[in-house]
Amino acid sequence: EIFGPVVCAEPFTDVEDVIAKANDNIYGLAAAVWTKDLSKGHRIAAQLRAGTVWINCHNVFDASLPFGGYKQSGWGREMGHEALNLYTEVKSVCAKLA
């Protein structure tokens, strides 16, 4: 997995082609969508298999936002309330009181 500024530019026929190409790899840490149509950007973001999708921006992080990837780009979520699941285990304890 490359951690650095990378730009991949490939020709495409339609948005579905772009989504298929973006999802056709073993990684899914983050993705960015650049568009004039914000609604289209949200529709694309919903279909991308990436832990973070930025629309018309990149590298926006906040401690309240969960961070982590899909596929081979992560083991869970850091930051945000989702991180509690990563660092805790649920346990049930039952005791007869009488």
C-alpha atoms as a PDB file:
ATOM      1  CA  GLU A   1       0.000   0.000   0.000  1.00  0.00           C
ATOM      2  CA  ILE A   2       1.486   3.335  -1.026  1.00  0.00           C
ATOM      3  CA  PHE A   3       1.275   6.164   1.515  1.00  0.00           C
ATOM      4  CA  GLY A   4       1.992   9.259  -0.492  1.00  0.00           C
ATOM      5  CA  PRO A   5       0.490  11.577  -3.034  1.00  0.00           C
ATOM      6  CA  VAL A   6      -0.689   9.393  -5.888  1.00  0.00           C
ATOM      7  CA  VAL A   7      -2.805  10.413  -8.849  1.00  0.00           C
ATOM      8  CA  CYS A   8      -4.264   7.681 -11.019  1.00  0.00           C
ATOM      9  CA  ALA A   9      -5.807   8.915 -14.243  1.00  0.00           C
ATOM     10  CA  GLU A  10      -7.515   6.436 -16.539  1.00  0.00           C
ATOM     11  CA  PRO A  11     -10.021   6.887 -19.337  1.00  0.00           C
ATOM     12  CA  PHE A  12     -13.577   5.791 -18.557  1.00  0.00           C
ATOM     13  CA  THR A  13     -16.883   5.461 -20.363  1.00  0.00           C
ATOM     14  CA  ASP A  14     -19.321   6.276 -17.553  1.00  0.00           C
ATOM     15  CA  VAL A  15     -19.566   6.645 -13.777  1.00  0.00           C
ATOM     16  CA  GLU A  16     -20.314   2.948 -13.260  1.00  0.00           C
ATOM     17  CA  ASP A  17     -17.060   2.139 -15.066  1.00  0.00           C
ATOM     18  CA  VAL A  18     -15.144   4.455 -12.721  1.00  0.00           C
ATOM     19  CA  ILE A  19     -16.705   2.887  -9.621  1.00  0.00           C
ATOM     20  CA  ALA A  20     -15.959  -0.634 -10.859  1.00  0.00           C
ATOM     21  CA  LYS A  21     -12.320   0.276 -11.582  1.00  0.00           C
ATOM     22  CA  ALA A  22     -11.888   1.998  -8.217  1.00  0.00           C
ATOM     23  CA  ASN A  23     -13.310  -0.982  -6.327  1.00  0.00           C
ATOM     24  CA  ASP A  24     -11.309  -3.558  -8.304  1.00  0.00           C
ATOM     25  CA  ASN A  25      -8.296  -3.773  -6.011  1.00  0.00           C
ATOM     26  CA  ILE A  26      -7.355  -5.298  -2.677  1.00  0.00           C
ATOM     27  CA  TYR A  27      -7.107  -1.963  -0.854  1.00  0.00           C
ATOM     28  CA  GLY A  28      -9.701   0.504   0.316  1.00  0.00           C
ATOM     29  CA  LEU A  29      -8.234   3.078   2.681  1.00  0.00           C
ATOM     30  CA  ALA A  30      -9.476   6.303   1.100  1.00  0.00           C
ATOM     31  CA  ALA A  31     -10.786   7.803  -2.118  1.00  0.00           C
ATOM     32  CA  ALA A  32     -11.614  11.246  -3.437  1.00  0.00           C
ATOM     33  CA  VAL A  33     -14.345  12.311  -5.832  1.00  0.00           C
ATOM     34  CA  TRP A  34     -14.083  15.590  -7.701  1.00  0.00           C
ATOM     35  CA  THR A  35     -17.311  16.813  -9.280  1.00  0.00           C
ATOM     36  CA  LYS A  36     -19.464  19.884  -9.846  1.00  0.00           C
ATOM     37  CA  ASP A  37     -22.559  17.798  -9.000  1.00  0.00           C
ATOM     38  CA  LEU A  38     -22.578  17.232  -5.222  1.00  0.00           C
ATOM     39  CA  SER A  39     -25.504  14.792  -5.416  1.00  0.00           C
ATOM     40  CA  LYS A  40     -23.573  12.667  -7.910  1.00  0.00           C
ATOM     41  CA  GLY A  41     -20.549  12.840  -5.614  1.00  0.00           C
ATOM     42  CA  HIS A  42     -22.587  11.415  -2.730  1.00  0.00           C
ATOM     43  CA  ARG A  43     -24.016   8.640  -4.932  1.00  0.00           C
ATOM     44  CA  ILE A  44     -20.511   7.675  -6.017  1.00  0.00           C
ATOM     45  CA  ALA A  45     -19.162   7.849  -2.449  1.00  0.00           C
ATOM     46  CA  ALA A  46     -21.870   5.451  -1.273  1.00  0.00           C
ATOM     47  CA  GLN A  47     -20.703   2.860  -3.821  1.00  0.00           C
ATOM     48  CA  LEU A  48     -16.951   3.136  -3.254  1.00  0.00           C
ATOM     49  CA  ARG A  49     -15.440   0.430  -1.031  1.00  0.00           C
ATOM     50  CA  ALA A  50     -13.178   2.783   0.917  1.00  0.00           C
ATOM     51  CA  GLY A  51     -13.081   3.678   4.593  1.00  0.00           C
ATOM     52  CA  THR A  52     -13.003   7.411   3.852  1.00  0.00           C
ATOM     53  CA  VAL A  53     -14.316   9.201   0.784  1.00  0.00           C
ATOM     54  CA  TRP A  54     -13.669  12.902   0.324  1.00  0.00           C
ATOM     55  CA  ILE A  55     -15.805  14.933  -2.067  1.00  0.00           C
ATOM     56  CA  ASN A  56     -14.076  17.954  -3.627  1.00  0.00           C
ATOM     57  CA  CYS A  57     -11.362  17.851  -0.953  1.00  0.00           C
ATOM     58  CA  HIS A  58      -8.735  15.493   0.440  1.00  0.00           C
ATOM     59  CA  ASN A  59      -6.908  14.707   3.681  1.00  0.00           C
ATOM     60  CA  VAL A  60      -9.657  16.107   5.902  1.00  0.00           C
ATOM     61  CA  PHE A  61      -9.385  14.451   9.324  1.00  0.00           C
ATOM     62  CA  ASP A  62     -11.157  15.050  12.600  1.00  0.00           C
ATOM     63  CA  ALA A  63     -10.930  13.113  15.864  1.00  0.00           C
ATOM     64  CA  SER A  64     -14.698  12.566  15.802  1.00  0.00           C
ATOM     65  CA  LEU A  65     -14.597  10.863  12.384  1.00  0.00           C
ATOM     66  CA  PRO A  66     -13.819   7.149  12.266  1.00  0.00           C
ATOM     67  CA  PHE A  67     -10.671   6.332  10.306  1.00  0.00           C
ATOM     68  CA  GLY A  68      -9.834   2.965   8.776  1.00  0.00           C
ATOM     69  CA  GLY A  69      -9.975   1.126   5.509  1.00  0.00           C
ATOM     70  CA  TYR A  70     -11.898  -1.640   3.831  1.00  0.00           C
ATOM     71  CA  LYS A  71     -10.491  -4.888   2.496  1.00  0.00           C
ATOM     72  CA  GLN A  72      -6.723  -5.162   3.152  1.00  0.00           C
ATOM     73  CA  SER A  73      -6.437  -1.549   4.293  1.00  0.00           C
ATOM     74  CA  GLY A  74      -7.485  -1.900   7.876  1.00  0.00           C
ATOM     75  CA  TRP A  75      -8.332  -3.889  10.946  1.00  0.00           C
ATOM     76  CA  GLY A  76     -11.104  -1.699  12.285  1.00  0.00           C
ATOM     77  CA  ARG A  77     -11.753   1.952  12.961  1.00  0.00           C
ATOM     78  CA  GLU A  78      -9.590   4.412  14.824  1.00  0.00           C
ATOM     79  CA  MET A  79     -11.048   7.624  16.215  1.00  0.00           C
ATOM     80  CA  GLY A  80     -14.726   8.395  16.617  1.00  0.00           C
ATOM     81  CA  HIS A  81     -17.042   6.319  18.785  1.00  0.00           C
ATOM     82  CA  GLU A  82     -16.460   3.356  16.434  1.00  0.00           C
ATOM     83  CA  ALA A  83     -12.975   3.017  17.948  1.00  0.00           C
ATOM     84  CA  LEU A  84     -14.562   1.842  21.206  1.00  0.00           C
ATOM     85  CA  ASN A  85     -15.546  -1.391  19.458  1.00  0.00           C
ATOM     86  CA  LEU A  86     -11.929  -1.925  18.419  1.00  0.00           C
ATOM     87  CA  TYR A  87     -10.589  -1.638  21.970  1.00  0.00           C
ATOM     88  CA  THR A  88     -13.362  -3.352  23.912  1.00  0.00           C
ATOM     89  CA  GLU A  89     -15.012  -6.750  24.067  1.00  0.00           C
ATOM     90  CA  VAL A  90     -18.631  -7.349  24.953  1.00  0.00           C
ATOM     91  CA  LYS A  91     -19.259  -9.795  27.764  1.00  0.00           C
ATOM     92  CA  SER A  92     -22.440 -11.035  29.398  1.00  0.00           C
ATOM     93  CA  VAL A  93     -22.324 -11.971  33.084  1.00  0.00           C
ATOM     94  CA  CYS A  94     -25.280 -13.693  34.732  1.00  0.00           C
ATOM     95  CA  ALA A  95     -25.542 -14.336  38.462  1.00  0.00           C
ATOM     96  CA  LYS A  96     -28.310 -15.950  40.474  1.00  0.00           C
ATOM     97  CA  LEU A  97     -28.964 -13.656  43.428  1.00  0.00           C
ATOM     98  CA  ALA A  98     -31.271 -15.881  45.438  1.00  0.00           C
END
